[in-house]
Amino acid sequence: MEKYEKVIFRKWSKKEGVGIIAFFPKIPSDNYGYDMLSYEHIGQHGGSKYELLLRATHPAIPSEYADLKKELEHIGYKIKVGYRATQADLRDRQKSVKCN
């Protein structure tokens, strides 16, 4: 069975920048699982704070994020489009950084 990654696509507000950002609410970008992995055409992978992203962006529609989705699939991601990060996503992110 293939593993799909939940990806949320958002569009930067005009004062914050241009373009679309994708973020992966289940993949941590820090050692504690508070921040999540993000991806943009320029800059590519990075870390993002969900609360800050929500303030600086708004939901993207499929025609706006189609190119970025295609780029992510081209580099190997199997995508399941999501629309919001949940508490369960945060728990999964934090569990994945815990040492056993």
PDB file of N, CA and C in Angstrom:
ATOM      1  N   MET A   1       0.836  -1.180   0.000  1.00  0.00           N
ATOM      2  CA  MET A   1       0.000   0.000   0.000  1.00  0.00           C
ATOM      3  C   MET A   1       0.885   1.249   0.000  1.00  0.00           C
ATOM      4  N   GLU A   2       0.589   2.188  -0.868  1.00  0.00           N
ATOM      5  CA  GLU A   2       1.362   3.412  -0.950  1.00  0.00           C
ATOM      6  C   GLU A   2       0.997   4.343   0.204  1.00  0.00           C
ATOM      7  N   LYS A   3       2.007   5.066   0.673  1.00  0.00           N
ATOM      8  CA  LYS A   3       1.771   6.030   1.747  1.00  0.00           C
ATOM      9  C   LYS A   3       1.579   7.413   1.141  1.00  0.00           C
ATOM     10  N   TYR A   4       0.452   8.027   1.457  1.00  0.00           N
ATOM     11  CA  TYR A   4       0.147   9.372   0.981  1.00  0.00           C
ATOM     12  C   TYR A   4       0.440  10.374   2.075  1.00  0.00           C
ATOM     13  N   GLU A   5       0.992  11.508   1.689  1.00  0.00           N
ATOM     14  CA  GLU A   5       1.258  12.588   2.627  1.00  0.00           C
ATOM     15  C   GLU A   5       0.148  13.629   2.524  1.00  0.00           C
ATOM     16  N   LYS A   6      -0.348  14.035   3.669  1.00  0.00           N
ATOM     17  CA  LYS A   6      -1.320  15.125   3.704  1.00  0.00           C
ATOM     18  C   LYS A   6      -0.576  16.422   3.394  1.00  0.00           C
ATOM     19  N   VAL A   7      -1.074  17.169   2.428  1.00  0.00           N
ATOM     20  CA  VAL A   7      -0.461  18.436   2.031  1.00  0.00           C
ATOM     21  C   VAL A   7      -1.550  19.499   1.975  1.00  0.00           C
ATOM     22  N   ILE A   8      -1.252  20.650   2.552  1.00  0.00           N
ATOM     23  CA  ILE A   8      -2.172  21.780   2.542  1.00  0.00           C
ATOM     24  C   ILE A   8      -1.537  22.884   1.709  1.00  0.00           C
ATOM     25  N   PHE A   9      -2.269  23.378   0.725  1.00  0.00           N
ATOM     26  CA  PHE A   9      -1.765  24.426  -0.153  1.00  0.00           C
ATOM     27  C   PHE A   9      -2.398  25.764   0.235  1.00  0.00           C
ATOM     28  N   ARG A  10      -1.544  26.782   0.389  1.00  0.00           N
ATOM     29  CA  ARG A  10      -2.017  28.116   0.744  1.00  0.00           C
ATOM     30  C   ARG A  10      -1.340  29.130  -0.163  1.00  0.00           C
ATOM     31  N   LYS A  11      -1.992  30.250  -0.342  1.00  0.00           N
ATOM     32  CA  LYS A  11      -1.490  31.332  -1.188  1.00  0.00           C
ATOM     33  C   LYS A  11      -1.077  32.490  -0.288  1.00  0.00           C
ATOM     34  N   TRP A  12       0.130  33.028  -0.539  1.00  0.00           N
ATOM     35  CA  TRP A  12       0.596  34.166   0.237  1.00  0.00           C
ATOM     36  C   TRP A  12      -0.301  35.369  -0.003  1.00  0.00           C
ATOM     37  N   SER A  13      -0.582  36.110   1.063  1.00  0.00           N
ATOM     38  CA  SER A  13      -1.316  37.362   0.882  1.00  0.00           C
ATOM     39  C   SER A  13      -0.391  38.353   0.179  1.00  0.00           C
ATOM     40  N   LYS A  14      -0.949  39.335  -0.484  1.00  0.00           N
ATOM     41  CA  LYS A  14      -0.161  40.253  -1.313  1.00  0.00           C
ATOM     42  C   LYS A  14       0.963  40.939  -0.540  1.00  0.00           C
ATOM     43  N   LYS A  15       0.727  41.304   0.705  1.00  0.00           N
ATOM     44  CA  LYS A  15       1.776  42.004   1.453  1.00  0.00           C
ATOM     45  C   LYS A  15       2.886  41.078   1.933  1.00  0.00           C
ATOM     46  N   GLU A  16       2.653  39.773   1.961  1.00  0.00           N
ATOM     47  CA  GLU A  16       3.641  38.815   2.456  1.00  0.00           C
ATOM     48  C   GLU A  16       4.529  38.246   1.359  1.00  0.00           C
ATOM     49  N   GLY A  17       4.082  38.237   0.128  1.00  0.00           N
ATOM     50  CA  GLY A  17       4.875  37.658  -0.948  1.00  0.00           C
ATOM     51  C   GLY A  17       3.975  37.215  -2.080  1.00  0.00           C
ATOM     52  N   VAL A  18       4.537  36.414  -2.934  1.00  0.00           N
ATOM     53  CA  VAL A  18       3.762  35.894  -4.061  1.00  0.00           C
ATOM     54  C   VAL A  18       3.917  34.384  -4.110  1.00  0.00           C
ATOM     55  N   GLY A  19       2.957  33.742  -4.721  1.00  0.00           N
ATOM     56  CA  GLY A  19       3.062  32.313  -4.932  1.00  0.00           C
ATOM     57  C   GLY A  19       2.304  31.476  -3.932  1.00  0.00           C
ATOM     58  N   ILE A  20       2.528  30.200  -4.068  1.00  0.00           N
ATOM     59  CA  ILE A  20       1.834  29.183  -3.280  1.00  0.00           C
ATOM     60  C   ILE A  20       2.848  28.471  -2.391  1.00  0.00           C
ATOM     61  N   ILE A  21       2.429  28.147  -1.193  1.00  0.00           N
ATOM     62  CA  ILE A  21       3.246  27.349  -0.287  1.00  0.00           C
ATOM     63  C   ILE A  21       2.463  26.079   0.047  1.00  0.00           C
ATOM     64  N   ALA A  22       3.170  24.977   0.078  1.00  0.00           N
ATOM     65  CA  ALA A  22       2.582  23.693   0.489  1.00  0.00           C
ATOM     66  C   ALA A  22       3.164  23.359   1.851  1.00  0.00           C
ATOM     67  N   PHE A  23       2.323  22.914   2.753  1.00  0.00           N
ATOM     68  CA  PHE A  23       2.892  22.432   4.002  1.00  0.00           C
ATOM     69  C   PHE A  23       2.335  21.081   4.362  1.00  0.00           C
ATOM     70  N   PHE A  24       3.183  20.348   5.076  1.00  0.00           N
ATOM     71  CA  PHE A  24       2.955  18.949   5.423  1.00  0.00           C
ATOM     72  C   PHE A  24       2.703  18.876   6.930  1.00  0.00           C
ATOM     73  N   PRO A  25       1.447  18.877   7.356  1.00  0.00           N
ATOM     74  CA  PRO A  25       1.155  18.985   8.787  1.00  0.00           C
ATOM     75  C   PRO A  25       1.573  17.781   9.628  1.00  0.00           C
ATOM     76  N   LYS A  26       1.917  16.671   8.997  1.00  0.00           N
ATOM     77  CA  LYS A  26       2.333  15.492   9.762  1.00  0.00           C
ATOM     78  C   LYS A  26       3.853  15.300   9.788  1.00  0.00           C
ATOM     79  N   ILE A  27       4.596  16.153   9.049  1.00  0.00           N
ATOM     80  CA  ILE A  27       6.055  15.999   8.974  1.00  0.00           C
ATOM     81  C   ILE A  27       6.730  17.143   9.729  1.00  0.00           C
ATOM     82  N   PRO A  28       7.506  16.814  10.782  1.00  0.00           N
ATOM     83  CA  PRO A  28       8.155  17.863  11.567  1.00  0.00           C
ATOM     84  C   PRO A  28       9.345  18.477  10.829  1.00  0.00           C
ATOM     85  N   SER A  29       9.624  19.744  11.170  1.00  0.00           N
ATOM     86  CA  SER A  29      10.828  20.390  10.643  1.00  0.00           C
ATOM     87  C   SER A  29      11.742  20.847  11.778  1.00  0.00           C
ATOM     88  N   ASP A  30      11.391  20.493  12.993  1.00  0.00           N
ATOM     89  CA  ASP A  30      12.242  20.806  14.135  1.00  0.00           C
ATOM     90  C   ASP A  30      12.373  19.564  15.008  1.00  0.00           C
ATOM     91  N   ASN A  31      13.169  19.665  16.044  1.00  0.00           N
ATOM     92  CA  ASN A  31      13.426  18.501  16.906  1.00  0.00           C
ATOM     93  C   ASN A  31      12.322  18.211  17.910  1.00  0.00           C
ATOM     94  N   TYR A  32      11.292  19.040  17.943  1.00  0.00           N
ATOM     95  CA  TYR A  32      10.220  18.869  18.920  1.00  0.00           C
ATOM     96  C   TYR A  32       8.862  18.587  18.290  1.00  0.00           C
ATOM     97  N   GLY A  33       8.751  18.778  16.980  1.00  0.00           N
ATOM     98  CA  GLY A  33       7.487  18.531  16.299  1.00  0.00           C
ATOM     99  C   GLY A  33       6.519  19.687  16.343  1.00  0.00           C
ATOM    100  N   TYR A  34       6.973  20.863  16.770  1.00  0.00           N
ATOM    101  CA  TYR A  34       6.085  22.025  16.775  1.00  0.00           C
ATOM    102  C   TYR A  34       5.935  22.624  15.382  1.00  0.00           C
ATOM    103  N   ASP A  35       7.042  22.682  14.645  1.00  0.00           N
ATOM    104  CA  ASP A  35       7.026  23.246  13.298  1.00  0.00           C
ATOM    105  C   ASP A  35       6.853  22.127  12.275  1.00  0.00           C
ATOM    106  N   MET A  36       6.313  22.498  11.109  1.00  0.00           N
ATOM    107  CA  MET A  36       6.066  21.487  10.077  1.00  0.00           C
ATOM    108  C   MET A  36       6.851  21.793   8.818  1.00  0.00           C
ATOM    109  N   LEU A  37       7.071  20.768   8.037  1.00  0.00           N
ATOM    110  CA  LEU A  37       7.771  20.897   6.771  1.00  0.00           C
ATOM    111  C   LEU A  37       6.912  21.679   5.786  1.00  0.00           C
ATOM    112  N   SER A  38       7.569  22.537   5.002  1.00  0.00           N
ATOM    113  CA  SER A  38       6.862  23.270   3.952  1.00  0.00           C
ATOM    114  C   SER A  38       7.687  23.202   2.678  1.00  0.00           C
ATOM    115  N   TYR A  39       7.075  23.632   1.567  1.00  0.00           N
ATOM    116  CA  TYR A  39       7.749  23.563   0.273  1.00  0.00           C
ATOM    117  C   TYR A  39       7.194  24.652  -0.624  1.00  0.00           C
ATOM    118  N   GLU A  40       8.105  25.323  -1.340  1.00  0.00           N
ATOM    119  CA  GLU A  40       7.733  26.325  -2.336  1.00  0.00           C
ATOM    120  C   GLU A  40       8.582  26.099  -3.582  1.00  0.00           C
ATOM    121  N   HIS A  41       8.127  26.631  -4.721  1.00  0.00           N
ATOM    122  CA  HIS A  41       8.917  26.514  -5.949  1.00  0.00           C
ATOM    123  C   HIS A  41      10.333  27.030  -5.725  1.00  0.00           C
ATOM    124  N   ILE A  42      10.433  28.236  -5.181  1.00  0.00           N
ATOM    125  CA  ILE A  42      11.740  28.838  -4.929  1.00  0.00           C
ATOM    126  C   ILE A  42      12.036  28.681  -3.456  1.00  0.00           C
ATOM    127  N   GLY A  43      13.162  28.107  -3.145  1.00  0.00           N
ATOM    128  CA  GLY A  43      13.514  27.842  -1.756  1.00  0.00           C
ATOM    129  C   GLY A  43      13.274  26.394  -1.385  1.00  0.00           C
ATOM    130  N   GLN A  44      12.307  25.797  -1.995  1.00  0.00           N
ATOM    131  CA  GLN A  44      11.930  24.401  -1.820  1.00  0.00           C
ATOM    132  C   GLN A  44      11.650  24.058  -0.367  1.00  0.00           C
ATOM    133  N   HIS A  45      12.262  23.028   0.217  1.00  0.00           N
ATOM    134  CA  HIS A  45      11.907  22.585   1.562  1.00  0.00           C
ATOM    135  C   HIS A  45      12.356  23.579   2.626  1.00  0.00           C
ATOM    136  N   GLY A  46      11.529  23.698   3.649  1.00  0.00           N
ATOM    137  CA  GLY A  46      11.841  24.548   4.789  1.00  0.00           C
ATOM    138  C   GLY A  46      10.916  24.215   5.938  1.00  0.00           C
ATOM    139  N   GLY A  47      11.039  24.953   7.000  1.00  0.00           N
ATOM    140  CA  GLY A  47      10.183  24.766   8.160  1.00  0.00           C
ATOM    141  C   GLY A  47       9.196  25.912   8.288  1.00  0.00           C
ATOM    142  N   SER A  48       8.035  25.634   8.843  1.00  0.00           N
ATOM    143  CA  SER A  48       7.003  26.657   8.994  1.00  0.00           C
ATOM    144  C   SER A  48       6.246  26.486  10.302  1.00  0.00           C
ATOM    145  N   LYS A  49       5.855  27.607  10.845  1.00  0.00           N
ATOM    146  CA  LYS A  49       4.981  27.622  12.017  1.00  0.00           C
ATOM    147  C   LYS A  49       3.550  27.785  11.513  1.00  0.00           C
ATOM    148  N   TYR A  50       2.691  26.856  11.873  1.00  0.00           N
ATOM    149  CA  TYR A  50       1.321  26.834  11.363  1.00  0.00           C
ATOM    150  C   TYR A  50       0.581  28.141  11.647  1.00  0.00           C
ATOM    151  N   GLU A  51       0.688  28.645  12.869  1.00  0.00           N
ATOM    152  CA  GLU A  51      -0.052  29.850  13.240  1.00  0.00           C
ATOM    153  C   GLU A  51       0.368  31.045  12.385  1.00  0.00           C
ATOM    154  N   LEU A  52       1.669  31.167  12.114  1.00  0.00           N
ATOM    155  CA  LEU A  52       2.151  32.273  11.289  1.00  0.00           C
ATOM    156  C   LEU A  52       1.698  32.114   9.842  1.00  0.00           C
ATOM    157  N   LEU A  53       1.707  30.878   9.353  1.00  0.00           N
ATOM    158  CA  LEU A  53       1.241  30.633   7.981  1.00  0.00           C
ATOM    159  C   LEU A  53      -0.223  31.020   7.819  1.00  0.00           C
ATOM    160  N   LEU A  54      -1.030  30.708   8.803  1.00  0.00           N
ATOM    161  CA  LEU A  54      -2.453  31.034   8.707  1.00  0.00           C
ATOM    162  C   LEU A  54      -2.680  32.533   8.604  1.00  0.00           C
ATOM    163  N   ARG A  55      -1.872  33.312   9.330  1.00  0.00           N
ATOM    164  CA  ARG A  55      -2.028  34.768   9.294  1.00  0.00           C
ATOM    165  C   ARG A  55      -1.532  35.384   7.993  1.00  0.00           C
ATOM    166  N   ALA A  56      -0.531  34.754   7.372  1.00  0.00           N
ATOM    167  CA  ALA A  56       0.121  35.344   6.196  1.00  0.00           C
ATOM    168  C   ALA A  56      -0.393  34.791   4.864  1.00  0.00           C
ATOM    169  N   THR A  57      -1.300  33.833   4.917  1.00  0.00           N
ATOM    170  CA  THR A  57      -1.781  33.185   3.695  1.00  0.00           C
ATOM    171  C   THR A  57      -3.290  33.013   3.737  1.00  0.00           C
ATOM    172  N   HIS A  58      -3.836  32.573   2.621  1.00  0.00           N
ATOM    173  CA  HIS A  58      -5.235  32.152   2.576  1.00  0.00           C
ATOM    174  C   HIS A  58      -5.319  30.899   1.703  1.00  0.00           C
ATOM    175  N   PRO A  59      -6.393  30.133   1.810  1.00  0.00           N
ATOM    176  CA  PRO A  59      -6.475  28.866   1.068  1.00  0.00           C
ATOM    177  C   PRO A  59      -6.301  29.075  -0.438  1.00  0.00           C
ATOM    178  N   ALA A  60      -5.555  28.172  -1.041  1.00  0.00           N
ATOM    179  CA  ALA A  60      -5.374  28.199  -2.497  1.00  0.00           C
ATOM    180  C   ALA A  60      -6.395  27.255  -3.131  1.00  0.00           C
ATOM    181  N   ILE A  61      -6.833  27.602  -4.317  1.00  0.00           N
ATOM    182  CA  ILE A  61      -7.759  26.740  -5.064  1.00  0.00           C
ATOM    183  C   ILE A  61      -6.945  25.841  -5.993  1.00  0.00           C
ATOM    184  N   PRO A  62      -7.527  24.719  -6.429  1.00  0.00           N
ATOM    185  CA  PRO A  62      -6.772  23.761  -7.239  1.00  0.00           C
ATOM    186  C   PRO A  62      -6.056  24.359  -8.446  1.00  0.00           C
ATOM    187  N   SER A  63      -6.655  25.290  -9.145  1.00  0.00           N
ATOM    188  CA  SER A  63      -5.973  25.864 -10.311  1.00  0.00           C
ATOM    189  C   SER A  63      -4.743  26.681  -9.898  1.00  0.00           C
ATOM    190  N   GLU A  64      -4.744  27.215  -8.674  1.00  0.00           N
ATOM    191  CA  GLU A  64      -3.598  27.987  -8.192  1.00  0.00           C
ATOM    192  C   GLU A  64      -2.445  27.088  -7.749  1.00  0.00           C
ATOM    193  N   TYR A  65      -2.755  25.939  -7.163  1.00  0.00           N
ATOM    194  CA  TYR A  65      -1.687  25.084  -6.655  1.00  0.00           C
ATOM    195  C   TYR A  65      -1.328  23.919  -7.574  1.00  0.00           C
ATOM    196  N   ALA A  66      -1.935  23.828  -8.738  1.00  0.00           N
ATOM    197  CA  ALA A  66      -1.701  22.693  -9.641  1.00  0.00           C
ATOM    198  C   ALA A  66      -0.227  22.511  -9.995  1.00  0.00           C
ATOM    199  N   ASP A  67       0.483  23.595 -10.310  1.00  0.00           N
ATOM    200  CA  ASP A  67       1.898  23.486 -10.680  1.00  0.00           C
ATOM    201  C   ASP A  67       2.755  22.993  -9.518  1.00  0.00           C
ATOM    202  N   LEU A  68       2.500  23.501  -8.323  1.00  0.00           N
ATOM    203  CA  LEU A  68       3.282  23.079  -7.164  1.00  0.00           C
ATOM    204  C   LEU A  68       2.979  21.625  -6.818  1.00  0.00           C
ATOM    205  N   LYS A  69       1.731  21.229  -6.917  1.00  0.00           N
ATOM    206  CA  LYS A  69       1.350  19.831  -6.668  1.00  0.00           C
ATOM    207  C   LYS A  69       2.072  18.915  -7.656  1.00  0.00           C
ATOM    208  N   LYS A  70       2.103  19.315  -8.911  1.00  0.00           N
ATOM    209  CA  LYS A  70       2.785  18.526  -9.940  1.00  0.00           C
ATOM    210  C   LYS A  70       4.282  18.407  -9.641  1.00  0.00           C
ATOM    211  N   GLU A  71       4.893  19.508  -9.203  1.00  0.00           N
ATOM    212  CA  GLU A  71       6.317  19.485  -8.844  1.00  0.00           C
ATOM    213  C   GLU A  71       6.577  18.528  -7.686  1.00  0.00           C
ATOM    214  N   LEU A  72       5.732  18.567  -6.673  1.00  0.00           N
ATOM    215  CA  LEU A  72       5.889  17.666  -5.523  1.00  0.00           C
ATOM    216  C   LEU A  72       5.741  16.207  -5.944  1.00  0.00           C
ATOM    217  N   GLU A  73       4.782  15.924  -6.797  1.00  0.00           N
ATOM    218  CA  GLU A  73       4.594  14.551  -7.275  1.00  0.00           C
ATOM    219  C   GLU A  73       5.789  14.115  -8.121  1.00  0.00           C
ATOM    220  N   HIS A  74       6.346  15.036  -8.877  1.00  0.00           N
ATOM    221  CA  HIS A  74       7.500  14.726  -9.723  1.00  0.00           C
ATOM    222  C   HIS A  74       8.720  14.331  -8.886  1.00  0.00           C
ATOM    223  N   ILE A  75       8.877  14.930  -7.706  1.00  0.00           N
ATOM    224  CA  ILE A  75      10.022  14.579  -6.862  1.00  0.00           C
ATOM    225  C   ILE A  75       9.716  13.408  -5.925  1.00  0.00           C
ATOM    226  N   GLY A  76       8.539  12.797  -6.064  1.00  0.00           N
ATOM    227  CA  GLY A  76       8.274  11.550  -5.355  1.00  0.00           C
ATOM    228  C   GLY A  76       7.187  11.539  -4.311  1.00  0.00           C
ATOM    229  N   TYR A  77       6.576  12.664  -4.022  1.00  0.00           N
ATOM    230  CA  TYR A  77       5.507  12.676  -3.028  1.00  0.00           C
ATOM    231  C   TYR A  77       4.214  12.109  -3.609  1.00  0.00           C
ATOM    232  N   LYS A  78       3.541  11.320  -2.810  1.00  0.00           N
ATOM    233  CA  LYS A  78       2.177  10.862  -3.091  1.00  0.00           C
ATOM    234  C   LYS A  78       1.292  11.741  -2.211  1.00  0.00           C
ATOM    235  N   ILE A  79       0.450  12.541  -2.839  1.00  0.00           N
ATOM    236  CA  ILE A  79      -0.243  13.609  -2.127  1.00  0.00           C
ATOM    237  C   ILE A  79      -1.722  13.330  -1.899  1.00  0.00           C
ATOM    238  N   LYS A  80      -2.139  13.640  -0.678  1.00  0.00           N
ATOM    239  CA  LYS A  80      -3.555  13.713  -0.336  1.00  0.00           C
ATOM    240  C   LYS A  80      -3.787  15.150   0.111  1.00  0.00           C
ATOM    241  N   VAL A  81      -4.554  15.899  -0.652  1.00  0.00           N
ATOM    242  CA  VAL A  81      -4.773  17.309  -0.343  1.00  0.00           C
ATOM    243  C   VAL A  81      -5.654  17.437   0.901  1.00  0.00           C
ATOM    244  N   GLY A  82      -5.181  18.241   1.834  1.00  0.00           N
ATOM    245  CA  GLY A  82      -5.931  18.544   3.043  1.00  0.00           C
ATOM    246  C   GLY A  82      -6.277  20.024   3.058  1.00  0.00           C
ATOM    247  N   TYR A  83      -7.103  20.428   3.999  1.00  0.00           N
ATOM    248  CA  TYR A  83      -7.529  21.825   4.052  1.00  0.00           C
ATOM    249  C   TYR A  83      -7.224  22.509   5.370  1.00  0.00           C
ATOM    250  N   ARG A  84      -6.899  21.719   6.399  1.00  0.00           N
ATOM    251  CA  ARG A  84      -6.499  22.315   7.670  1.00  0.00           C
ATOM    252  C   ARG A  84      -5.680  21.301   8.460  1.00  0.00           C
ATOM    253  N   ALA A  85      -4.805  21.835   9.281  1.00  0.00           N
ATOM    254  CA  ALA A  85      -4.027  20.990  10.184  1.00  0.00           C
ATOM    255  C   ALA A  85      -4.864  20.748  11.440  1.00  0.00           C
ATOM    256  N   THR A  86      -4.780  19.557  11.960  1.00  0.00           N
ATOM    257  CA  THR A  86      -5.587  19.184  13.124  1.00  0.00           C
ATOM    258  C   THR A  86      -4.695  18.887  14.325  1.00  0.00           C
ATOM    259  N   GLN A  87      -5.318  18.734  15.471  1.00  0.00           N
ATOM    260  CA  GLN A  87      -4.580  18.319  16.662  1.00  0.00           C
ATOM    261  C   GLN A  87      -3.964  16.937  16.461  1.00  0.00           C
ATOM    262  N   ALA A  88      -4.646  16.075  15.725  1.00  0.00           N
ATOM    263  CA  ALA A  88      -4.093  14.742  15.437  1.00  0.00           C
ATOM    264  C   ALA A  88      -2.818  14.863  14.596  1.00  0.00           C
ATOM    265  N   ASP A  89      -2.787  15.817  13.663  1.00  0.00           N
ATOM    266  CA  ASP A  89      -1.570  16.050  12.871  1.00  0.00           C
ATOM    267  C   ASP A  89      -0.422  16.467  13.785  1.00  0.00           C
ATOM    268  N   LEU A  90      -0.703  17.364  14.724  1.00  0.00           N
ATOM    269  CA  LEU A  90       0.314  17.807  15.675  1.00  0.00           C
ATOM    270  C   LEU A  90       0.823  16.632  16.507  1.00  0.00           C
ATOM    271  N   ARG A  91      -0.078  15.799  17.008  1.00  0.00           N
ATOM    272  CA  ARG A  91       0.336  14.629  17.793  1.00  0.00           C
ATOM    273  C   ARG A  91       1.204  13.695  16.953  1.00  0.00           C
ATOM    274  N   ASP A  92       0.812  13.454  15.695  1.00  0.00           N
ATOM    275  CA  ASP A  92       1.608  12.588  14.811  1.00  0.00           C
ATOM    276  C   ASP A  92       2.996  13.178  14.578  1.00  0.00           C
ATOM    277  N   ARG A  93       3.044  14.486  14.368  1.00  0.00           N
ATOM    278  CA  ARG A  93       4.317  15.166  14.140  1.00  0.00           C
ATOM    279  C   ARG A  93       5.219  15.031  15.366  1.00  0.00           C
ATOM    280  N   GLN A  94       4.642  15.238  16.536  1.00  0.00           N
ATOM    281  CA  GLN A  94       5.435  15.164  17.759  1.00  0.00           C
ATOM    282  C   GLN A  94       5.854  13.731  18.068  1.00  0.00           C
ATOM    283  N   LYS A  95       4.991  12.755  17.787  1.00  0.00           N
ATOM    284  CA  LYS A  95       5.362  11.346  18.009  1.00  0.00           C
ATOM    285  C   LYS A  95       6.533  10.937  17.123  1.00  0.00           C
ATOM    286  N   SER A  96       6.579  11.486  15.922  1.00  0.00           N
ATOM    287  CA  SER A  96       7.616  11.061  14.981  1.00  0.00           C
ATOM    288  C   SER A  96       9.006  11.555  15.366  1.00  0.00           C
ATOM    289  N   VAL A  97       9.122  12.521  16.271  1.00  0.00           N
ATOM    290  CA  VAL A  97      10.441  12.998  16.697  1.00  0.00           C
ATOM    291  C   VAL A  97      10.857  12.434  18.050  1.00  0.00           C
ATOM    292  N   LYS A  98       9.989  11.723  18.721  1.00  0.00           N
ATOM    293  CA  LYS A  98      10.313  11.149  20.026  1.00  0.00           C
ATOM    294  C   LYS A  98      11.280   9.979  19.835  1.00  0.00           C
ATOM    295  N   CYS A  99      12.287   9.935  20.683  1.00  0.00           N
ATOM    296  CA  CYS A  99      13.227   8.814  20.667  1.00  0.00           C
ATOM    297  C   CYS A  99      12.641   7.680  21.493  1.00  0.00           C
ATOM    298  N   ASN A 100      12.831   6.483  21.003  1.00  0.00           N
ATOM    299  CA  ASN A 100      12.316   5.310  21.742  1.00  0.00           C
ATOM    300  C   ASN A 100      13.339   4.788  22.700  1.00  0.00           C
TER     301      ASN A 100
END
